[in-house]
All heavy atoms as atom14 arrays in JSON, in Angstrom:
{
  "sequence": "VVIELLDARIPGSSKNPDLENLKGQKKRVIILNKTDLADPKITEKWI",
  "atom14_mask": [
    [1, 1, 1, 1, 1, 1, 1, 0, 0, 0, 0, 0, 0, 0],
    [1, 1, 1, 1, 1, 1, 1, 0, 0, 0, 0, 0, 0, 0],
    [1, 1, 1, 1, 1, 1, 1, 1, 0, 0, 0, 0, 0, 0],
    [1, 1, 1, 1, 1, 1, 1, 1, 1, 0, 0, 0, 0, 0],
    [1, 1, 1, 1, 1, 1, 1, 1, 0, 0, 0, 0, 0, 0],
    [1, 1, 1, 1, 1, 1, 1, 1, 0, 0, 0, 0, 0, 0],
    [1, 1, 1, 1, 1, 1, 1, 1, 0, 0, 0, 0, 0, 0],
    [1, 1, 1, 1, 1, 0, 0, 0, 0, 0, 0, 0, 0, 0],
    [1, 1, 1, 1, 1, 1, 1, 1, 1, 1, 1, 0, 0, 0],
    [1, 1, 1, 1, 1, 1, 1, 1, 0, 0, 0, 0, 0, 0],
    [1, 1, 1, 1, 1, 1, 1, 0, 0, 0, 0, 0, 0, 0],
    [1, 1, 1, 1, 0, 0, 0, 0, 0, 0, 0, 0, 0, 0],
    [1, 1, 1, 1, 1, 1, 0, 0, 0, 0, 0, 0, 0, 0],
    [1, 1, 1, 1, 1, 1, 0, 0, 0, 0, 0, 0, 0, 0],
    [1, 1, 1, 1, 1, 1, 1, 1, 1, 0, 0, 0, 0, 0],
    [1, 1, 1, 1, 1, 1, 1, 1, 0, 0, 0, 0, 0, 0],
    [1, 1, 1, 1, 1, 1, 1, 0, 0, 0, 0, 0, 0, 0],
    [1, 1, 1, 1, 1, 1, 1, 1, 0, 0, 0, 0, 0, 0],
    [1, 1, 1, 1, 1, 1, 1, 1, 0, 0, 0, 0, 0, 0],
    [1, 1, 1, 1, 1, 1, 1, 1, 1, 0, 0, 0, 0, 0],
    [1, 1, 1, 1, 1, 1, 1, 1, 0, 0, 0, 0, 0, 0],
    [1, 1, 1, 1, 1, 1, 1, 1, 0, 0, 0, 0, 0, 0],
    [1, 1, 1, 1, 1, 1, 1, 1, 1, 0, 0, 0, 0, 0],
    [1, 1, 1, 1, 0, 0, 0, 0, 0, 0, 0, 0, 0, 0],
    [1, 1, 1, 1, 1, 1, 1, 1, 1, 0, 0, 0, 0, 0],
    [1, 1, 1, 1, 1, 1, 1, 1, 1, 0, 0, 0, 0, 0],
    [1, 1, 1, 1, 1, 1, 1, 1, 1, 0, 0, 0, 0, 0],
    [1, 1, 1, 1, 1, 1, 1, 1, 1, 1, 1, 0, 0, 0],
    [1, 1, 1, 1, 1, 1, 1, 0, 0, 0, 0, 0, 0, 0],
    [1, 1, 1, 1, 1, 1, 1, 1, 0, 0, 0, 0, 0, 0],
    [1, 1, 1, 1, 1, 1, 1, 1, 0, 0, 0, 0, 0, 0],
    [1, 1, 1, 1, 1, 1, 1, 1, 0, 0, 0, 0, 0, 0],
    [1, 1, 1, 1, 1, 1, 1, 1, 0, 0, 0, 0, 0, 0],
    [1, 1, 1, 1, 1, 1, 1, 1, 1, 0, 0, 0, 0, 0],
    [1, 1, 1, 1, 1, 1, 1, 0, 0, 0, 0, 0, 0, 0],
    [1, 1, 1, 1, 1, 1, 1, 1, 0, 0, 0, 0, 0, 0],
    [1, 1, 1, 1, 1, 1, 1, 1, 0, 0, 0, 0, 0, 0],
    [1, 1, 1, 1, 1, 0, 0, 0, 0, 0, 0, 0, 0, 0],
    [1, 1, 1, 1, 1, 1, 1, 1, 0, 0, 0, 0, 0, 0],
    [1, 1, 1, 1, 1, 1, 1, 0, 0, 0, 0, 0, 0, 0],
    [1, 1, 1, 1, 1, 1, 1, 1, 1, 0, 0, 0, 0, 0],
    [1, 1, 1, 1, 1, 1, 1, 1, 0, 0, 0, 0, 0, 0],
    [1, 1, 1, 1, 1, 1, 1, 0, 0, 0, 0, 0, 0, 0],
    [1, 1, 1, 1, 1, 1, 1, 1, 1, 0, 0, 0, 0, 0],
    [1, 1, 1, 1, 1, 1, 1, 1, 1, 0, 0, 0, 0, 0],
    [1, 1, 1, 1, 1, 1, 1, 1, 1, 1, 1, 1, 1, 1],
    [1, 1, 1, 1, 1, 1, 1, 1, 0, 0, 0, 0, 0, 0]
  ],
  "atom14_positions": [
    [[30.16, 93.74, 3.48], [29.27, 94.88, 3.6], [28.57, 95.07, 2.26], [29.05, 94.64, 1.22], [30.08, 96.16, 3.93], [31.11, 96.48, 2.86], [29.12, 97.38, 4.15], [0.0, 0.0, 0.0], [0.0, 0.0, 0.0], [0.0, 0.0, 0.0], [0.0, 0.0, 0.0], [0.0, 0.0, 0.0], [0.0, 0.0, 0.0], [0.0, 0.0, 0.0]],
    [[27.35, 95.62, 2.32], [26.56, 95.96, 1.11], [26.53, 97.43, 0.97], [26.21, 98.15, 1.89], [25.11, 95.41, 1.22], [24.28, 95.84, 0.02], [25.13, 93.89, 1.34], [0.0, 0.0, 0.0], [0.0, 0.0, 0.0], [0.0, 0.0, 0.0], [0.0, 0.0, 0.0], [0.0, 0.0, 0.0], [0.0, 0.0, 0.0], [0.0, 0.0, 0.0]],
    [[27.0, 97.93, -0.21], [26.85, 99.32, -0.53], [25.63, 99.46, -1.45], [25.62, 98.98, -2.58], [28.1, 99.78, -1.26], [29.32, 99.75, -0.35], [27.93, 101.25, -1.74], [30.64, 100.08, -1.04], [0.0, 0.0, 0.0], [0.0, 0.0, 0.0], [0.0, 0.0, 0.0], [0.0, 0.0, 0.0], [0.0, 0.0, 0.0], [0.0, 0.0, 0.0]],
    [[24.57, 100.05, -0.89], [23.32, 100.12, -1.65], [23.13, 101.58, -2.16], [23.04, 102.5, -1.35], [22.11, 99.75, -0.77], [20.82, 99.83, -1.49], [19.6, 99.4, -0.69], [19.73, 99.2, 0.55], [18.51, 99.21, -1.29], [0.0, 0.0, 0.0], [0.0, 0.0, 0.0], [0.0, 0.0, 0.0], [0.0, 0.0, 0.0], [0.0, 0.0, 0.0]],
    [[23.09, 101.69, -3.48], [22.83, 102.98, -4.09], [21.37, 103.25, -4.22], [20.62, 102.4, -4.74], [23.51, 103.09, -5.46], [24.99, 103.51, -5.5], [25.89, 102.43, -4.98], [25.39, 103.97, -6.9], [0.0, 0.0, 0.0], [0.0, 0.0, 0.0], [0.0, 0.0, 0.0], [0.0, 0.0, 0.0], [0.0, 0.0, 0.0], [0.0, 0.0, 0.0]],
    [[20.94, 104.42, -3.76], [19.57, 104.85, -3.95], [19.6, 106.15, -4.79], [20.55, 106.89, -4.77], [18.89, 105.21, -2.61], [18.95, 104.09, -1.53], [18.19, 104.61, -0.3], [18.29, 102.81, -2.01], [0.0, 0.0, 0.0], [0.0, 0.0, 0.0], [0.0, 0.0, 0.0], [0.0, 0.0, 0.0], [0.0, 0.0, 0.0], [0.0, 0.0, 0.0]],
    [[18.55, 106.38, -5.56], [18.45, 107.63, -6.3], [17.93, 108.75, -5.37], [16.89, 108.59, -4.74], [17.44, 107.47, -7.47], [17.52, 108.62, -8.42], [17.27, 109.75, -8.03], [17.8, 108.37, -9.64], [0.0, 0.0, 0.0], [0.0, 0.0, 0.0], [0.0, 0.0, 0.0], [0.0, 0.0, 0.0], [0.0, 0.0, 0.0], [0.0, 0.0, 0.0]],
    [[18.72, 109.77, -5.22], [18.39, 110.85, -4.26], [17.09, 111.53, -4.54], [16.51, 112.15, -3.62], [19.54, 111.89, -4.22], [0.0, 0.0, 0.0], [0.0, 0.0, 0.0], [0.0, 0.0, 0.0], [0.0, 0.0, 0.0], [0.0, 0.0, 0.0], [0.0, 0.0, 0.0], [0.0, 0.0, 0.0], [0.0, 0.0, 0.0], [0.0, 0.0, 0.0]],
    [[16.54, 111.37, -5.76], [15.24, 111.96, -6.06], [14.09, 111.15, -5.51], [13.01, 111.66, -5.27], [15.1, 112.12, -7.56], [16.1, 113.1, -8.19], [16.11, 112.94, -9.72], [16.62, 111.65, -10.15], [16.76, 111.26, -11.4], [16.43, 112.08, -12.37], [17.27, 110.09, -11.72], [0.0, 0.0, 0.0], [0.0, 0.0, 0.0], [0.0, 0.0, 0.0]],
    [[14.36, 109.8, -5.33], [13.31, 108.89, -4.78], [13.96, 107.9, -3.82], [13.94, 106.69, -4.12], [12.53, 108.19, -5.9], [13.48, 107.46, -6.87], [11.67, 109.16, -6.65], [12.74, 106.5, -7.81], [0.0, 0.0, 0.0], [0.0, 0.0, 0.0], [0.0, 0.0, 0.0], [0.0, 0.0, 0.0], [0.0, 0.0, 0.0], [0.0, 0.0, 0.0]],
    [[14.53, 108.34, -2.72], [15.28, 107.4, -1.85], [14.38, 106.33, -1.22], [14.89, 105.27, -0.8], [15.86, 108.31, -0.75], [15.89, 109.68, -1.41], [14.67, 109.71, -2.28], [0.0, 0.0, 0.0], [0.0, 0.0, 0.0], [0.0, 0.0, 0.0], [0.0, 0.0, 0.0], [0.0, 0.0, 0.0], [0.0, 0.0, 0.0], [0.0, 0.0, 0.0]],
    [[13.11, 106.58, -1.15], [12.21, 105.53, -0.63], [11.85, 104.51, -1.68], [11.94, 103.29, -1.5], [0.0, 0.0, 0.0], [0.0, 0.0, 0.0], [0.0, 0.0, 0.0], [0.0, 0.0, 0.0], [0.0, 0.0, 0.0], [0.0, 0.0, 0.0], [0.0, 0.0, 0.0], [0.0, 0.0, 0.0], [0.0, 0.0, 0.0], [0.0, 0.0, 0.0]],
    [[11.39, 105.01, -2.82], [10.95, 104.18, -3.92], [12.05, 103.38, -4.55], [11.87, 102.27, -5.13], [10.24, 104.98, -5.01], [9.09, 105.6, -4.52], [0.0, 0.0, 0.0], [0.0, 0.0, 0.0], [0.0, 0.0, 0.0], [0.0, 0.0, 0.0], [0.0, 0.0, 0.0], [0.0, 0.0, 0.0], [0.0, 0.0, 0.0], [0.0, 0.0, 0.0]],
    [[13.32, 103.87, -4.47], [14.45, 103.18, -5.11], [15.12, 102.2, -4.16], [16.12, 101.58, -4.51], [15.49, 104.19, -5.65], [15.97, 105.01, -4.6], [0.0, 0.0, 0.0], [0.0, 0.0, 0.0], [0.0, 0.0, 0.0], [0.0, 0.0, 0.0], [0.0, 0.0, 0.0], [0.0, 0.0, 0.0], [0.0, 0.0, 0.0], [0.0, 0.0, 0.0]],
    [[14.59, 102.02, -2.98], [15.17, 101.07, -2.02], [14.48, 99.71, -2.2], [13.29, 99.59, -1.99], [14.95, 101.59, -0.58], [15.85, 100.94, 0.42], [15.76, 101.72, 1.78], [16.85, 101.28, 2.72], [16.77, 99.86, 3.05], [0.0, 0.0, 0.0], [0.0, 0.0, 0.0], [0.0, 0.0, 0.0], [0.0, 0.0, 0.0], [0.0, 0.0, 0.0]],
    [[15.26, 98.73, -2.57], [14.7, 97.41, -2.88], [14.41, 96.66, -1.62], [15.26, 96.28, -0.9], [15.69, 96.63, -3.77], [15.09, 95.34, -4.27], [14.14, 94.8, -3.79], [15.73, 94.83, -5.37], [0.0, 0.0, 0.0], [0.0, 0.0, 0.0], [0.0, 0.0, 0.0], [0.0, 0.0, 0.0], [0.0, 0.0, 0.0], [0.0, 0.0, 0.0]],
    [[13.11, 96.35, -1.34], [12.76, 95.64, -0.09], [13.35, 94.26, -0.04], [13.55, 93.71, 1.07], [11.25, 95.65, -0.11], [10.86, 95.85, -1.54], [11.92, 96.71, -2.1], [0.0, 0.0, 0.0], [0.0, 0.0, 0.0], [0.0, 0.0, 0.0], [0.0, 0.0, 0.0], [0.0, 0.0, 0.0], [0.0, 0.0, 0.0], [0.0, 0.0, 0.0]],
    [[13.57, 93.61, -1.2], [14.18, 92.29, -1.25], [15.56, 92.26, -0.65], [16.01, 91.23, -0.08], [14.24, 91.79, -2.68], [12.97, 91.07, -3.1], [12.03, 91.03, -2.28], [12.9, 90.59, -4.26], [0.0, 0.0, 0.0], [0.0, 0.0, 0.0], [0.0, 0.0, 0.0], [0.0, 0.0, 0.0], [0.0, 0.0, 0.0], [0.0, 0.0, 0.0]],
    [[16.27, 93.4, -0.74], [17.66, 93.42, -0.25], [17.77, 93.25, 1.22], [18.76, 92.73, 1.75], [18.34, 94.73, -0.69], [19.85, 94.76, -0.58], [20.52, 93.66, -1.4], [20.39, 96.15, -1.05], [0.0, 0.0, 0.0], [0.0, 0.0, 0.0], [0.0, 0.0, 0.0], [0.0, 0.0, 0.0], [0.0, 0.0, 0.0], [0.0, 0.0, 0.0]],
    [[16.7, 93.63, 1.94], [16.72, 93.44, 3.39], [16.87, 91.98, 3.76], [17.59, 91.62, 4.66], [15.4, 94.02, 4.01], [15.3, 95.53, 3.94], [16.36, 96.22, 4.75], [16.72, 95.73, 5.84], [16.83, 97.3, 4.28], [0.0, 0.0, 0.0], [0.0, 0.0, 0.0], [0.0, 0.0, 0.0], [0.0, 0.0, 0.0], [0.0, 0.0, 0.0]],
    [[16.1, 91.15, 3.02], [16.19, 89.69, 3.28], [17.47, 89.09, 2.78], [18.07, 88.22, 3.41], [14.99, 88.98, 2.63], [13.68, 89.45, 3.19], [13.56, 89.65, 4.44], [12.65, 89.51, 2.37], [0.0, 0.0, 0.0], [0.0, 0.0, 0.0], [0.0, 0.0, 0.0], [0.0, 0.0, 0.0], [0.0, 0.0, 0.0], [0.0, 0.0, 0.0]],
    [[17.94, 89.62, 1.62], [19.16, 89.06, 1.02], [20.39, 89.33, 1.9], [21.27, 88.45, 2.05], [19.4, 89.66, -0.37], [18.46, 89.13, -1.48], [18.79, 89.91, -2.8], [18.73, 87.64, -1.71], [0.0, 0.0, 0.0], [0.0, 0.0, 0.0], [0.0, 0.0, 0.0], [0.0, 0.0, 0.0], [0.0, 0.0, 0.0], [0.0, 0.0, 0.0]],
    [[20.46, 90.53, 2.45], [21.69, 90.87, 3.15], [21.76, 90.29, 4.53], [22.89, 90.16, 5.11], [21.85, 92.42, 3.26], [21.03, 93.1, 4.29], [21.3, 94.6, 4.35], [20.6, 95.28, 5.5], [21.13, 94.83, 6.8], [0.0, 0.0, 0.0], [0.0, 0.0, 0.0], [0.0, 0.0, 0.0], [0.0, 0.0, 0.0], [0.0, 0.0, 0.0]],
    [[20.67, 89.88, 5.13], [20.68, 89.26, 6.44], [21.3, 90.21, 7.46], [20.9, 91.34, 7.63], [0.0, 0.0, 0.0], [0.0, 0.0, 0.0], [0.0, 0.0, 0.0], [0.0, 0.0, 0.0], [0.0, 0.0, 0.0], [0.0, 0.0, 0.0], [0.0, 0.0, 0.0], [0.0, 0.0, 0.0], [0.0, 0.0, 0.0], [0.0, 0.0, 0.0]],
    [[22.4, 89.73, 8.14], [23.05, 90.52, 9.19], [24.26, 91.33, 8.63], [24.99, 91.92, 9.41], [23.54, 89.57, 10.25], [22.42, 88.87, 11.01], [21.44, 89.78, 11.69], [21.82, 90.68, 12.4], [20.15, 89.55, 11.42], [0.0, 0.0, 0.0], [0.0, 0.0, 0.0], [0.0, 0.0, 0.0], [0.0, 0.0, 0.0], [0.0, 0.0, 0.0]],
    [[24.42, 91.31, 7.31], [25.54, 92.06, 6.73], [25.35, 93.57, 6.98], [24.25, 94.09, 7.02], [25.62, 91.83, 5.24], [25.84, 90.4, 4.78], [27.21, 89.9, 5.12], [27.36, 88.45, 4.64], [28.75, 87.94, 4.89], [0.0, 0.0, 0.0], [0.0, 0.0, 0.0], [0.0, 0.0, 0.0], [0.0, 0.0, 0.0], [0.0, 0.0, 0.0]],
    [[26.47, 94.24, 7.22], [26.44, 95.68, 7.37], [26.14, 96.38, 6.04], [26.28, 95.77, 5.01], [27.8, 96.2, 7.9], [28.24, 95.64, 9.24], [27.28, 96.04, 10.38], [27.77, 95.58, 11.72], [26.84, 95.97, 12.79], [0.0, 0.0, 0.0], [0.0, 0.0, 0.0], [0.0, 0.0, 0.0], [0.0, 0.0, 0.0], [0.0, 0.0, 0.0]],
    [[25.66, 97.64, 6.1], [25.3, 98.33, 4.91], [25.73, 99.78, 4.99], [25.71, 100.43, 6.02], [23.78, 98.26, 4.69], [23.29, 99.18, 3.59], [21.85, 98.9, 3.19], [20.94, 98.92, 4.32], [19.72, 98.4, 4.27], [19.24, 97.9, 3.18], [18.92, 98.48, 5.36], [0.0, 0.0, 0.0], [0.0, 0.0, 0.0], [0.0, 0.0, 0.0]],
    [[26.08, 100.29, 3.78], [26.32, 101.71, 3.57], [25.3, 102.15, 2.52], [25.27, 101.59, 1.44], [27.76, 102.06, 3.1], [27.86, 103.51, 2.75], [28.78, 101.65, 4.17], [0.0, 0.0, 0.0], [0.0, 0.0, 0.0], [0.0, 0.0, 0.0], [0.0, 0.0, 0.0], [0.0, 0.0, 0.0], [0.0, 0.0, 0.0], [0.0, 0.0, 0.0]],
    [[24.5, 103.15, 2.85], [23.56, 103.71, 1.86], [24.17, 104.93, 1.2], [24.64, 105.82, 1.84], [22.23, 104.1, 2.59], [21.42, 102.86, 2.92], [21.4, 105.02, 1.66], [20.15, 103.13, 3.65], [0.0, 0.0, 0.0], [0.0, 0.0, 0.0], [0.0, 0.0, 0.0], [0.0, 0.0, 0.0], [0.0, 0.0, 0.0], [0.0, 0.0, 0.0]],
    [[24.13, 104.9, -0.16], [24.59, 106.04, -0.89], [23.36, 106.7, -1.57], [22.65, 106.09, -2.33], [25.62, 105.61, -2.0], [26.88, 105.11, -1.36], [25.94, 106.82, -2.93], [27.91, 104.62, -2.35], [0.0, 0.0, 0.0], [0.0, 0.0, 0.0], [0.0, 0.0, 0.0], [0.0, 0.0, 0.0], [0.0, 0.0, 0.0], [0.0, 0.0, 0.0]],
    [[23.15, 107.97, -1.24], [22.18, 108.73, -1.94], [22.87, 109.32, -3.18], [23.57, 110.32, -3.09], [21.59, 109.84, -1.08], [20.8, 109.37, 0.18], [20.28, 110.57, 0.94], [19.66, 108.47, -0.18], [0.0, 0.0, 0.0], [0.0, 0.0, 0.0], [0.0, 0.0, 0.0], [0.0, 0.0, 0.0], [0.0, 0.0, 0.0], [0.0, 0.0, 0.0]],
    [[22.63, 108.69, -4.31], [23.35, 109.05, -5.52], [22.52, 110.06, -6.35], [21.34, 110.2, -6.17], [23.66, 107.83, -6.37], [24.66, 108.08, -7.49], [25.5, 108.95, -7.36], [24.56, 107.34, -8.57], [0.0, 0.0, 0.0], [0.0, 0.0, 0.0], [0.0, 0.0, 0.0], [0.0, 0.0, 0.0], [0.0, 0.0, 0.0], [0.0, 0.0, 0.0]],
    [[23.2, 110.75, -7.28], [22.56, 111.72, -8.13], [21.98, 112.89, -7.34], [20.9, 113.44, -7.66], [21.45, 111.09, -9.05], [22.01, 109.94, -9.9], [20.98, 109.45, -10.85], [21.56, 108.29, -11.68], [20.59, 107.81, -12.72], [0.0, 0.0, 0.0], [0.0, 0.0, 0.0], [0.0, 0.0, 0.0], [0.0, 0.0, 0.0], [0.0, 0.0, 0.0]],
    [[22.71, 113.28, -6.27], [22.21, 114.42, -5.47], [22.21, 115.72, -6.26], [21.53, 116.67, -5.9], [23.09, 114.57, -4.2], [24.45, 114.62, -4.56], [22.87, 113.49, -3.25], [0.0, 0.0, 0.0], [0.0, 0.0, 0.0], [0.0, 0.0, 0.0], [0.0, 0.0, 0.0], [0.0, 0.0, 0.0], [0.0, 0.0, 0.0], [0.0, 0.0, 0.0]],
    [[23.0, 115.73, -7.35], [23.05, 116.94, -8.19], [21.71, 117.16, -8.9], [21.43, 118.26, -9.39], [24.19, 116.84, -9.21], [24.08, 115.62, -10.07], [23.94, 114.53, -9.49], [24.1, 115.76, -11.32], [0.0, 0.0, 0.0], [0.0, 0.0, 0.0], [0.0, 0.0, 0.0], [0.0, 0.0, 0.0], [0.0, 0.0, 0.0], [0.0, 0.0, 0.0]],
    [[20.84, 116.14, -8.98], [19.54, 116.24, -9.64], [18.43, 116.43, -8.66], [17.31, 116.76, -9.05], [19.27, 114.94, -10.43], [20.34, 114.48, -11.45], [19.89, 113.18, -12.13], [20.6, 115.59, -12.46], [0.0, 0.0, 0.0], [0.0, 0.0, 0.0], [0.0, 0.0, 0.0], [0.0, 0.0, 0.0], [0.0, 0.0, 0.0], [0.0, 0.0, 0.0]],
    [[18.67, 116.23, -7.36], [17.62, 116.22, -6.36], [17.53, 117.57, -5.6], [18.49, 118.36, -5.6], [17.87, 115.13, -5.33], [0.0, 0.0, 0.0], [0.0, 0.0, 0.0], [0.0, 0.0, 0.0], [0.0, 0.0, 0.0], [0.0, 0.0, 0.0], [0.0, 0.0, 0.0], [0.0, 0.0, 0.0], [0.0, 0.0, 0.0], [0.0, 0.0, 0.0]],
    [[16.37, 117.83, -5.06], [16.16, 119.02, -4.26], [16.95, 118.93, -2.99], [16.77, 118.05, -2.18], [14.65, 119.08, -3.93], [14.23, 120.37, -3.2], [15.04, 120.89, -2.43], [13.13, 120.84, -3.42], [0.0, 0.0, 0.0], [0.0, 0.0, 0.0], [0.0, 0.0, 0.0], [0.0, 0.0, 0.0], [0.0, 0.0, 0.0], [0.0, 0.0, 0.0]],
    [[17.92, 119.82, -2.78], [18.88, 119.67, -1.61], [18.2, 119.74, -0.29], [18.66, 119.02, 0.61], [19.86, 120.88, -1.85], [19.19, 121.82, -2.77], [18.26, 121.01, -3.63], [0.0, 0.0, 0.0], [0.0, 0.0, 0.0], [0.0, 0.0, 0.0], [0.0, 0.0, 0.0], [0.0, 0.0, 0.0], [0.0, 0.0, 0.0], [0.0, 0.0, 0.0]],
    [[17.1, 120.5, -0.15], [16.44, 120.61, 1.17], [15.77, 119.27, 1.5], [15.81, 118.83, 2.65], [15.39, 121.7, 1.13], [15.95, 123.1, 1.04], [14.88, 124.16, 1.04], [15.49, 125.56, 0.93], [14.42, 126.61, 0.93], [0.0, 0.0, 0.0], [0.0, 0.0, 0.0], [0.0, 0.0, 0.0], [0.0, 0.0, 0.0], [0.0, 0.0, 0.0]],
    [[15.24, 118.59, 0.46], [14.59, 117.29, 0.72], [15.61, 116.24, 0.91], [15.41, 115.32, 1.72], [13.62, 116.96, -0.43], [12.46, 118.01, -0.46], [13.06, 115.58, -0.27], [11.48, 117.83, -1.61], [0.0, 0.0, 0.0], [0.0, 0.0, 0.0], [0.0, 0.0, 0.0], [0.0, 0.0, 0.0], [0.0, 0.0, 0.0], [0.0, 0.0, 0.0]],
    [[16.74, 116.32, 0.23], [17.88, 115.39, 0.47], [18.32, 115.4, 1.92], [18.56, 114.34, 2.5], [19.04, 115.64, -0.46], [18.61, 115.5, -1.82], [20.21, 114.74, -0.17], [0.0, 0.0, 0.0], [0.0, 0.0, 0.0], [0.0, 0.0, 0.0], [0.0, 0.0, 0.0], [0.0, 0.0, 0.0], [0.0, 0.0, 0.0], [0.0, 0.0, 0.0]],
    [[18.36, 116.55, 2.51], [18.77, 116.68, 3.91], [17.79, 115.93, 4.79], [18.15, 115.3, 5.8], [18.82, 118.19, 4.35], [20.03, 118.88, 3.8], [21.35, 118.3, 4.28], [21.42, 117.87, 5.45], [22.33, 118.26, 3.51], [0.0, 0.0, 0.0], [0.0, 0.0, 0.0], [0.0, 0.0, 0.0], [0.0, 0.0, 0.0], [0.0, 0.0, 0.0]],
    [[16.51, 115.98, 4.44], [15.51, 115.25, 5.22], [15.72, 113.72, 5.12], [15.54, 113.01, 6.11], [14.09, 115.59, 4.71], [13.64, 117.04, 4.99], [12.24, 117.29, 4.47], [11.83, 118.72, 4.72], [10.41, 119.0, 4.23], [0.0, 0.0, 0.0], [0.0, 0.0, 0.0], [0.0, 0.0, 0.0], [0.0, 0.0, 0.0], [0.0, 0.0, 0.0]],
    [[16.11, 113.27, 3.93], [16.32, 111.84, 3.76], [17.59, 111.4, 4.5], [17.65, 110.32, 5.06], [16.47, 111.51, 2.26], [15.15, 111.42, 1.6], [14.59, 112.28, 0.7], [14.19, 110.35, 1.72], [13.36, 111.85, 0.29], [13.1, 110.68, 0.91], [14.13, 109.19, 2.46], [11.98, 109.8, 0.78], [13.04, 108.34, 2.38], [11.97, 108.69, 1.54]],
    [[18.6, 112.26, 4.56], [19.82, 111.95, 5.33], [19.45, 111.75, 6.79], [19.84, 110.77, 7.45], [20.86, 113.01, 5.18], [21.41, 113.09, 3.72], [22.04, 112.77, 6.16], [22.24, 114.33, 3.49], [0.0, 0.0, 0.0], [0.0, 0.0, 0.0], [0.0, 0.0, 0.0], [0.0, 0.0, 0.0], [0.0, 0.0, 0.0], [0.0, 0.0, 0.0]]
  ]
}
């Protein structure tokens, strides 16, 4: 499995598009990290 950490302030911009090709069919867990720094209402939208 791949555990991919994203910055909760920029969950789109911090997602590496190369990782999609690298991981292939491997399962993934996304972690929205640094949620203490991000706007909680917008974090809910990203979840």
